[in-house]
Protein backbone atom coordinates (compact mmCIF):
# COMPACT_ATOMS: atom_id res chain seq x y z
CA MET A 1 5.77 -20.37 -79.01
CA SER A 2 2.34 -20.44 -77.51
CA SER A 3 3.43 -23.33 -75.27
CA GLU A 4 6.35 -21.28 -73.95
CA GLN A 5 4.05 -18.31 -73.22
CA SER A 6 1.66 -20.62 -71.41
CA ASP A 7 4.49 -21.94 -69.22
CA ASN A 8 5.61 -18.38 -68.38
CA THR A 9 2.06 -17.44 -67.50
CA LYS A 10 1.74 -20.40 -65.16
CA ALA A 11 5.08 -19.56 -63.52
CA TRP A 12 4.06 -15.94 -62.91
CA ALA A 13 0.69 -17.09 -61.64
CA ALA A 14 2.41 -19.43 -59.16
CA VAL A 15 4.72 -16.61 -58.02
CA GLY A 16 1.75 -14.28 -57.60
CA LEU A 17 -0.14 -16.92 -55.65
CA TRP A 18 2.79 -17.46 -53.28
CA LEU A 19 3.20 -13.70 -52.81
CA LEU A 20 -0.51 -13.39 -52.03
CA LEU A 21 -0.37 -16.23 -49.52
CA GLY A 22 2.75 -14.74 -47.90
CA THR A 23 1.10 -11.33 -47.63
CA VAL A 24 -2.01 -12.84 -46.04
CA PHE A 25 0.11 -14.84 -43.61
CA LEU A 26 2.20 -11.81 -42.60
CA GLY A 27 -0.95 -9.76 -42.18
CA PHE A 28 -2.45 -12.45 -39.97
CA VAL A 29 0.70 -12.60 -37.84
CA ALA A 30 0.80 -8.80 -37.50
CA PHE A 31 -2.90 -8.72 -36.57
CA ALA A 32 -2.46 -11.47 -33.97
CA GLN A 33 0.55 -9.70 -32.47
CA THR A 34 -1.36 -6.41 -32.34
CA GLN A 35 -4.30 -8.08 -30.64
CA GLY A 36 -1.96 -9.72 -28.15
CA ASP A 37 -0.33 -6.37 -27.35
CA ILE A 38 -3.71 -4.72 -26.89
CA GLU A 39 -4.91 -7.48 -24.55
CA HIS A 40 -1.72 -7.14 -22.53
CA ARG A 41 -2.19 -3.38 -22.24
CA VAL A 42 -5.87 -3.81 -21.37
CA ARG A 43 -4.97 -6.10 -18.49
CA GLU A 44 -2.13 -3.83 -17.37
CA ILE A 45 -4.40 -0.76 -17.20
CA ALA A 46 -7.33 -2.70 -15.71
CA SER A 47 -5.11 -4.02 -12.91
CA GLN A 48 -4.53 -0.42 -11.79
CA LEU A 49 -8.24 0.46 -11.56
CA ARG A 50 -10.63 -0.46 -8.74
CA CYS A 51 -13.85 -2.26 -9.58
CA PRO A 52 -16.65 -0.01 -8.19
CA VAL A 53 -19.02 -2.89 -7.37
CA CYS A 54 -16.51 -5.55 -6.27
CA GLN A 55 -14.83 -6.15 -2.95
CA ASN A 56 -11.47 -4.35 -3.17
CA LEU A 57 -10.57 -6.00 -6.49
CA SER A 58 -9.10 -4.56 -9.65
CA VAL A 59 -11.03 -4.40 -12.90
CA ALA A 60 -8.70 -7.01 -14.45
CA ASP A 61 -10.06 -10.07 -12.61
CA PRO A 62 -13.74 -9.89 -11.50
CA PRO A 63 -16.41 -11.49 -13.71
CA SER A 64 -19.00 -8.84 -12.76
CA GLU A 65 -20.83 -7.13 -15.59
CA LEU A 66 -19.44 -3.70 -14.69
CA ALA A 67 -15.85 -4.97 -14.70
CA VAL A 68 -16.42 -6.62 -18.10
CA GLN A 69 -17.82 -3.37 -19.48
CA MET A 70 -14.90 -1.36 -18.10
CA ARG A 71 -12.40 -3.76 -19.71
CA ALA A 72 -14.27 -3.47 -23.01
CA LEU A 73 -14.18 0.32 -22.73
CA ILE A 74 -10.42 0.24 -22.08
CA ARG A 75 -9.92 -1.99 -25.14
CA GLU A 76 -12.05 0.28 -27.31
CA ARG A 77 -10.12 3.40 -26.28
CA LEU A 78 -6.78 1.67 -26.84
CA GLU A 79 -7.86 0.68 -30.34
CA ARG A 80 -8.72 4.34 -30.97
CA GLY A 81 -5.13 5.22 -30.06
CA GLU A 82 -5.68 6.82 -26.64
CA SER A 83 -2.83 6.75 -24.13
CA GLU A 84 -2.87 5.05 -20.73
CA ALA A 85 -2.92 8.44 -18.98
CA ALA A 86 -5.95 9.56 -20.99
CA ILE A 87 -7.85 6.36 -20.17
CA LYS A 88 -7.09 6.73 -16.46
CA ALA A 89 -8.15 10.38 -16.59
CA TYR A 90 -11.48 9.31 -18.12
CA PHE A 91 -12.22 6.87 -15.30
CA ILE A 92 -11.08 9.41 -12.69
CA SER A 93 -13.56 11.91 -14.16
CA LYS A 94 -16.30 9.28 -13.74
CA TYR A 95 -15.44 7.83 -10.32
CA GLY A 96 -12.88 10.19 -8.76
CA GLU A 97 -9.36 9.42 -7.48
CA TRP A 98 -10.83 6.51 -5.51
CA VAL A 99 -10.91 4.39 -8.67
CA LEU A 100 -7.08 4.19 -8.68
CA LEU A 101 -5.77 1.29 -6.61
CA SER A 102 -2.49 3.16 -5.97
CA PRO A 103 -2.59 6.85 -5.00
CA LYS A 104 -0.77 9.32 -7.21
CA PRO A 105 2.68 10.28 -5.83
CA LYS A 106 1.89 13.92 -5.18
CA GLY A 107 1.13 16.10 -2.19
CA PHE A 108 0.58 14.25 1.07
CA ASN A 109 0.21 10.97 -0.85
CA LEU A 110 3.91 11.21 -1.66
CA LEU A 111 4.60 9.95 1.86
CA VAL A 112 3.14 6.57 0.87
CA TRP A 113 5.98 6.17 -1.63
CA VAL A 114 8.83 7.89 0.24
CA LEU A 115 8.21 6.84 3.85
CA PRO A 116 9.01 3.10 3.49
CA PHE A 117 12.40 3.83 1.93
CA ALA A 118 13.15 6.55 4.49
CA ALA A 119 12.24 4.19 7.33
CA LEU A 120 14.44 1.46 5.83
CA ALA A 121 17.40 3.86 5.53
CA ALA A 122 16.89 5.10 9.09
CA GLY A 123 16.73 1.53 10.40
CA ILE A 124 19.94 0.55 8.61
CA GLY A 125 21.69 3.67 9.92
CA TRP A 126 20.54 3.01 13.49
CA ALA A 127 21.71 -0.62 13.27
CA CYS A 128 25.13 0.46 11.97
CA VAL A 129 25.57 2.99 14.79
CA ARG A 130 24.55 0.46 17.43
CA LEU A 131 26.84 -2.19 15.94
CA ARG A 132 29.77 0.23 15.89
CA LYS A 133 29.23 1.17 19.55
CA TRP A 134 28.91 -2.48 20.51
CA VAL A 135 32.19 -3.35 18.78
CA ARG A 136 34.02 -0.47 20.47
CA ARG A 137 32.58 -1.06 23.93
CA ARG A 138 34.87 -2.65 26.48
CA GLU A 139 33.60 -3.89 29.78
CA VAL A 140 35.55 -4.97 32.84
CA SER A 141 34.77 -8.34 34.39
CA LEU A 142 36.34 -9.68 37.58
CA THR A 143 36.05 -13.38 36.87
CA PRO A 144 39.25 -15.27 37.84
CA GLU A 145 39.81 -16.40 34.27
CA LEU A 146 39.66 -12.86 32.84
CA THR A 147 41.81 -11.47 35.68
CA ASP A 148 44.49 -14.07 35.01
CA LEU A 149 44.29 -13.31 31.28
CA ARG A 150 44.76 -9.59 31.88
CA ILE A 151 47.82 -10.28 34.03
CA GLN A 152 49.35 -12.53 31.39
CA GLU A 153 48.72 -9.94 28.66
CA TRP A 154 50.31 -7.20 30.75
CA LEU A 155 53.35 -9.33 31.64
CA HIS A 156 53.97 -10.18 27.98
CA LYS A 157 53.94 -6.58 26.77
CA ASP A 158 57.03 -5.56 24.84
CA SER A 159 59.51 -3.90 27.21
CA LYS A 160 60.74 -1.62 24.42
CA THR A 161 57.56 0.47 24.78
CA ARG A 162 58.47 1.50 28.37
CA ASN A 163 60.69 4.25 29.58
CA ARG A 164 64.33 3.37 30.17
CA ASN A 165 64.85 5.46 33.30
CA GLN A 166 66.35 3.86 36.36
CA GLU A 167 63.10 3.32 38.28
CA ARG A 168 61.26 1.79 35.38
CA GLY A 169 64.31 -0.31 34.57
CA LEU A 170 64.09 -1.93 38.00
CA LEU A 171 60.39 -2.48 37.58
CA GLU A 172 61.00 -3.96 34.15
CA LYS A 173 63.51 -6.41 35.59
CA GLU A 174 60.98 -7.44 38.23
CA ARG A 175 58.36 -7.94 35.52
CA VAL A 176 60.73 -10.19 33.57
CA ARG A 177 61.57 -12.12 36.72
CA LEU A 178 57.89 -12.67 37.54
CA LEU A 179 57.20 -13.78 33.97
CA THR A 180 60.08 -16.27 34.12
CA ALA A 181 58.91 -17.55 37.50
CA LEU A 182 55.37 -18.12 36.16
CA LYS A 183 56.71 -20.00 33.14
CA GLU A 184 58.88 -22.23 35.34
CA LEU A 185 55.96 -22.79 37.69
CA ASP A 186 53.75 -23.93 34.79
CA PHE A 187 56.53 -26.21 33.52
CA ASP A 188 57.07 -27.82 36.94
CA PHE A 189 53.34 -28.40 37.34
CA ARG A 190 52.98 -30.03 33.93
CA SER A 191 56.01 -32.22 34.58
CA GLY A 192 54.51 -33.47 37.85
CA LYS A 193 57.00 -31.86 40.24
CA LEU A 194 54.26 -29.84 42.01
CA SER A 195 50.91 -30.87 43.36
CA GLU A 196 47.83 -29.00 42.22
CA GLN A 197 47.36 -27.30 45.59
CA ASP A 198 50.99 -26.09 45.72
CA TYR A 199 50.76 -24.93 42.12
CA HIS A 200 47.68 -22.74 42.75
CA GLU A 201 49.09 -21.28 45.97
CA MET A 202 52.38 -20.29 44.34
CA LYS A 203 50.65 -18.99 41.23
CA ARG A 204 48.37 -16.80 43.36
CA LEU A 205 51.47 -15.47 45.17
CA TYR A 206 53.12 -14.48 41.89
CA GLU A 207 49.88 -12.91 40.65
CA ASN A 208 49.59 -10.76 43.78
CA ARG A 209 53.15 -9.58 43.21
CA ALA A 210 52.21 -8.80 39.61
CA LEU A 211 49.26 -6.69 40.86
CA ALA A 212 51.57 -4.72 43.12
CA LEU A 213 54.07 -4.29 40.31
CA HIS A 214 51.28 -3.05 38.02
CA SER A 215 50.37 -0.40 40.60
CA SER A 216 53.99 0.71 40.71
CA PHE A 217 54.07 1.09 36.93
CA ALA A 218 50.85 3.16 37.07
CA GLU A 219 52.30 5.47 39.73
CA ALA A 220 55.46 5.90 37.67
CA GLN A 221 53.31 7.12 34.75
CA HIS A 222 51.49 9.61 37.06
CA LYS A 223 48.21 7.81 36.47
CA PRO A 224 45.92 6.22 39.00
CA PRO A 225 46.20 2.44 38.89
CA SER A 226 43.38 1.02 36.77
CA PHE A 227 43.71 -2.65 37.64
CA PRO A 228 43.23 -3.01 41.43
CA LYS A 229 40.20 -4.93 42.48
CA ARG A 230 38.42 -2.10 44.27
CA GLN A 231 38.49 0.20 41.25
CA ALA A 232 37.47 -2.61 38.92
CA VAL A 233 34.50 -3.41 41.15
CA ALA A 234 33.40 0.22 41.00
CA GLN A 235 33.74 0.23 37.23
CA GLU A 236 31.69 -2.94 36.90
CA ASN A 237 29.00 -1.50 39.16
CA ARG A 238 28.79 1.63 37.01
CA ALA A 239 28.52 -0.49 33.86
CA SER A 240 25.72 -2.56 35.42
CA GLU A 241 23.83 0.57 36.45
CA GLY A 242 24.18 1.94 32.91
CA LYS A 243 22.79 -1.28 31.47
CA LEU A 244 19.80 -1.16 33.81
CA LYS A 245 19.10 2.45 32.89
CA LYS A 246 19.29 1.73 29.16
CA SER A 247 17.53 -1.64 29.15
CA TRP A 248 14.07 -0.06 28.84
CA LEU A 249 15.01 2.10 25.85
CA VAL A 250 14.83 -0.64 23.19
CA PRO A 251 11.30 -1.95 24.02
CA ALA A 252 10.04 1.60 24.53
CA ALA A 253 11.41 2.64 21.15
CA GLY A 254 9.78 -0.41 19.55
CA VAL A 255 6.38 0.41 21.04
CA LEU A 256 6.63 4.05 19.94
CA LEU A 257 7.62 2.96 16.43
CA ILE A 258 4.60 0.63 16.16
CA VAL A 259 2.20 3.31 17.42
CA PHE A 260 3.69 5.85 15.02
CA GLY A 261 3.42 3.45 12.08
CA VAL A 262 -0.22 2.54 12.77
CA GLY A 263 -1.20 6.17 13.28
CA LEU A 264 0.58 7.31 10.14
CA GLY A 265 -0.97 4.47 8.12
CA LEU A 266 -4.49 5.46 9.18
CA LEU A 267 -3.73 9.11 8.47
CA LEU A 268 -2.41 8.32 4.99
CA ALA A 269 -5.35 6.05 4.22
CA ARG A 270 -7.79 8.81 5.11
CA SER A 271 -5.81 11.48 3.27
CA ILE A 272 -6.10 9.73 -0.11
CA GLN A 273 -9.89 9.84 0.01
CA SER A 274 -11.24 12.75 -2.03
CA GLY A 275 -13.73 15.11 -0.46
CA GLY A 276 -13.53 13.78 3.07
CA GLU A 277 -14.16 10.33 4.44
CA GLN A 278 -14.97 7.83 1.72
CA ASP A 279 -15.61 4.18 2.19
CA SER A 280 -14.26 1.20 0.33
CA ILE A 281 -16.51 -1.76 -0.27
CA THR A 282 -15.68 -3.36 3.06
CA GLY A 283 -14.73 -0.42 5.29
CA GLY A 284 -12.78 -0.70 8.49
CA PRO A 285 -9.41 0.33 9.94
CA LEU A 286 -7.29 -1.85 7.63
CA THR A 287 -8.55 -0.01 4.56
CA GLY A 288 -8.48 3.43 6.16
CA THR A 289 -12.26 3.81 6.05
CA ARG A 290 -14.93 3.99 8.67
CA GLU A 291 -17.09 0.95 9.32
CA LEU A 292 -20.63 1.28 8.05
CA SER A 293 -23.68 0.36 10.08
CA ASP A 294 -25.68 -2.83 9.46
CA ASN A 295 -28.99 -0.94 9.59
CA PRO A 296 -30.49 -0.73 6.05
CA ALA A 297 -32.31 2.54 6.81
CA SER A 298 -29.11 4.17 8.07
CA LEU A 299 -27.18 2.86 5.09
CA LEU A 300 -29.78 4.25 2.67
CA ARG A 301 -29.60 7.62 4.39
CA LEU A 302 -25.79 7.61 4.18
CA GLY A 303 -25.96 6.66 0.51
CA ARG A 304 -28.41 9.47 -0.31
CA GLU A 305 -26.28 12.01 1.55
CA ALA A 306 -23.14 10.83 -0.23
CA TYR A 307 -24.93 11.10 -3.59
CA GLN A 308 -26.00 14.67 -2.83
CA ARG A 309 -22.38 15.51 -1.89
CA GLN A 310 -21.23 13.92 -5.18
CA GLN A 311 -19.19 11.35 -3.25
CA TYR A 312 -20.27 8.58 -5.58
CA ASP A 313 -17.83 5.92 -4.45
CA GLN A 314 -19.12 6.28 -0.89
CA ALA A 315 -22.69 6.13 -2.16
CA ILE A 316 -21.94 2.92 -4.09
CA THR A 317 -20.40 1.46 -0.92
CA ALA A 318 -23.50 2.18 1.14
CA PHE A 319 -25.95 0.88 -1.46
CA LYS A 320 -23.90 -2.27 -2.07
CA LYS A 321 -23.99 -3.02 1.65
CA VAL A 322 -27.76 -2.52 1.67
CA LEU A 323 -28.04 -5.03 -1.17
CA ALA A 324 -25.79 -7.45 0.70
CA LEU A 325 -28.30 -7.35 3.56
CA ASN A 326 -31.37 -7.28 1.30
CA PRO A 327 -30.77 -8.05 -2.42
CA SER A 328 -34.28 -6.84 -3.35
CA GLN A 329 -34.23 -3.41 -1.66
CA PRO A 330 -35.81 -1.22 -4.39
CA ASP A 331 -34.34 2.17 -3.42
CA ALA A 332 -30.78 0.81 -3.26
CA LEU A 333 -31.26 -0.95 -6.62
CA SER A 334 -32.66 2.27 -8.14
CA PHE A 335 -29.74 4.38 -6.96
CA MET A 336 -27.26 1.77 -8.19
CA GLY A 337 -28.97 1.90 -11.58
CA LEU A 338 -28.72 5.69 -11.61
CA LEU A 339 -25.02 5.65 -10.67
CA MET A 340 -24.16 3.00 -13.26
CA ALA A 341 -26.06 4.85 -15.99
CA GLN A 342 -24.46 8.17 -15.10
CA THR A 343 -21.00 6.62 -15.53
CA GLY A 344 -21.91 5.36 -19.01
CA HIS A 345 -23.01 1.77 -18.19
CA LEU A 346 -26.58 2.16 -19.45
CA ASP A 347 -27.51 -1.51 -19.80
CA LEU A 348 -26.18 -2.36 -16.35
CA GLY A 349 -28.01 0.64 -14.87
CA LEU A 350 -31.24 -0.37 -16.56
CA SER A 351 -30.89 -3.93 -15.24
CA TYR A 352 -30.63 -2.59 -11.67
CA VAL A 353 -33.79 -0.52 -12.18
CA GLU A 354 -35.67 -3.51 -13.63
CA ARG A 355 -34.73 -5.53 -10.53
CA ALA A 356 -36.10 -2.71 -8.35
CA LEU A 357 -39.40 -2.68 -10.28
CA ALA A 358 -39.60 -6.47 -10.07
CA ALA A 359 -39.38 -6.17 -6.28
CA GLN A 360 -41.79 -3.17 -6.11
CA PRO A 361 -43.57 -2.43 -9.42
CA GLN A 362 -44.84 1.06 -8.47
CA ASN A 363 -41.66 2.35 -6.82
CA PRO A 364 -41.54 6.09 -7.69
CA LEU A 365 -37.75 6.36 -7.61
CA ALA A 366 -37.28 3.36 -9.91
CA LEU A 367 -39.89 4.66 -12.40
CA GLU A 368 -38.32 8.12 -12.44
CA ILE A 369 -34.81 6.75 -13.05
CA LYS A 370 -35.99 4.24 -15.66
CA GLY A 371 -37.66 7.03 -17.62
CA ALA A 372 -34.51 9.16 -17.40
CA ILE A 373 -32.32 6.31 -18.70
CA LEU A 374 -34.70 5.57 -21.58
CA TYR A 375 -34.99 9.23 -22.54
CA LYS A 376 -31.51 10.62 -21.96
CA GLY A 377 -29.44 7.49 -22.52
CA LYS A 378 -31.28 5.16 -24.89
CA GLY A 379 -33.18 7.79 -26.89
CA ASP A 380 -36.41 5.83 -26.37
CA HIS A 381 -38.73 8.84 -26.03
CA GLU A 382 -41.93 6.85 -26.30
CA GLY A 383 -40.83 4.36 -23.65
CA ALA A 384 -39.80 7.16 -21.30
CA ILE A 385 -43.16 8.88 -21.74
CA ARG A 386 -45.04 5.67 -20.88
CA VAL A 387 -42.97 5.19 -17.72
CA TRP A 388 -43.42 8.78 -16.56
CA GLU A 389 -47.17 8.75 -17.29
CA GLU A 390 -47.42 5.67 -15.10
CA LEU A 391 -45.46 7.52 -12.42
CA LEU A 392 -47.87 10.49 -12.58
CA ARG A 393 -50.71 8.19 -11.50
CA ASP A 394 -48.98 7.76 -8.11
CA ASP A 395 -50.82 9.78 -5.46
CA ARG A 396 -47.71 9.94 -3.26
CA LEU A 397 -46.04 12.52 -5.53
CA SER A 398 -45.95 16.12 -4.37
CA LYS A 399 -47.17 18.92 -6.62
CA GLU A 400 -43.61 20.00 -7.37
CA GLN A 401 -42.57 16.48 -8.35
CA ALA A 402 -45.65 16.00 -10.52
CA ALA A 403 -44.99 19.33 -12.26
CA ALA A 404 -41.36 18.40 -12.94
CA ILE A 405 -42.33 15.01 -14.39
CA SER A 406 -45.00 16.63 -16.56
CA GLN A 407 -42.35 19.00 -17.90
CA TRP A 408 -40.11 16.02 -18.72
CA ILE A 409 -42.96 14.43 -20.68
CA VAL A 410 -43.44 17.64 -22.67
CA GLU A 411 -39.70 17.79 -23.43
CA ALA A 412 -39.66 14.11 -24.47
CA ARG A 413 -42.59 14.61 -26.87
CA ALA A 414 -40.92 17.66 -28.37
CA ALA A 415 -37.65 15.76 -28.79
CA MET A 416 -39.51 12.83 -30.36
CA GLN A 417 -41.03 15.16 -32.92
CA LYS A 418 -37.65 16.70 -33.77
CA GLU A 419 -35.94 13.28 -33.76
CA THR A 420 -33.12 14.65 -31.60
CA LEU A 421 -31.15 12.58 -29.14
CA PRO A 422 -30.00 14.70 -26.18
CA PRO A 423 -26.84 13.48 -24.42
CA PHE A 424 -27.17 11.69 -21.13
CA LEU A 425 -26.38 14.11 -18.31
CA SER A 426 -23.21 13.37 -16.39
CA LEU A 427 -23.26 13.35 -12.61
CA ARG A 428 -21.68 16.82 -12.42
CA GLU A 429 -24.15 18.20 -14.99
CA ARG A 430 -27.03 16.67 -13.05
CA ALA A 431 -25.78 18.24 -9.83
CA ARG A 432 -25.47 21.61 -11.62
CA LYS A 433 -29.03 21.26 -12.91
CA ASN A 434 -30.21 20.40 -9.40
CA GLU A 435 -28.62 23.57 -8.03
CA GLN A 436 -30.28 25.63 -10.78
CA GLY A 437 -33.64 23.99 -10.10
CA GLY A 438 -33.89 22.39 -13.55
CA ILE A 439 -34.21 18.72 -12.57
CA PRO A 440 -35.06 17.72 -8.99
CA SER A 441 -32.96 15.07 -7.29
CA PRO A 442 -34.54 11.66 -6.66
CA PRO A 443 -36.76 11.69 -3.56
């Protein structure tokens, strides 16, 4: 009996083991599928966002540190269950509408989506109208071949369609006689009874009689004859004049269409920039932005002005171009560190500031921003105090700046005693503080 119980126990243990392995396997498959779906959604969302420090690339592809951090942030928010719209709204709040590679279909931007289809429909409609007119158009030509063809067509018309009055009956008989004569003439020529010269002379004689007969038919119908040579010449001249008058319309319309398209494209490109003219990384007419100067001092001034106007994408553009001309420019590196830290990329911002201090160890702007990142972002009160105390030893500071930095040191010491970690001010909060006189802007 004990042996039977032992066998049952082993059987149930085997079943339990297989169930456990199956559960683990299914869990692994579900986890792998979930991770694959998240990665797909991360790439899909990242491909719709512009990398702030790259050259007109999406966040999905560049290997830059900022793009990697943005992809990680997208993944983290997706894992928390946030929707695609909420993630986009977060990045728009940080960088503005500029961060979207495609403008939203609303307001004037709606033309970007509607205009191509409207232009395509208008082009198809115009082509259909022109094709219909071309098919219906009939032009008169006085070449001997076409004249002979018109005579033959008229002679072969069904006599039942003509009036049966006495006059038209005589004309109809003459038409039949001329048709018979032309057929016999062609037969005699093909059989070799007539020479080529005699054949053409007699054929021309019958054709002249047919022209006269045609005029008689036209007079019988109370209509002016439409086939005589003089009238046909006038008609051809009028057609030629009409062609000459209309020949310039097609190229002129093409030129106007090109000018309209280029102008509208530039207008649309400028309209999607928030808060006035904003520059992409490259600038220029193809991106709808103005070309920046190659003078580092001018670029720094433009970047500072854009920062004060809260046009942060334009500021990033200017500072990036300064760094392209001089990778060690301390003020541009300091501002890039501030902008990256304000958008939540603290480590990247701190790395920019460290590069600025490596190029110029006593740079006041770099020291001020480094202290702010350590205090507001990292919670390193002691490190921030050391940096600001070093900054206070700079004789170039004005009394107002020195007083503001001293106040920051007092606040940092008080926060260190209370072990509180104040949140890092956003760009909008910093601008609000600047307006209220709480924290001065960087010099």
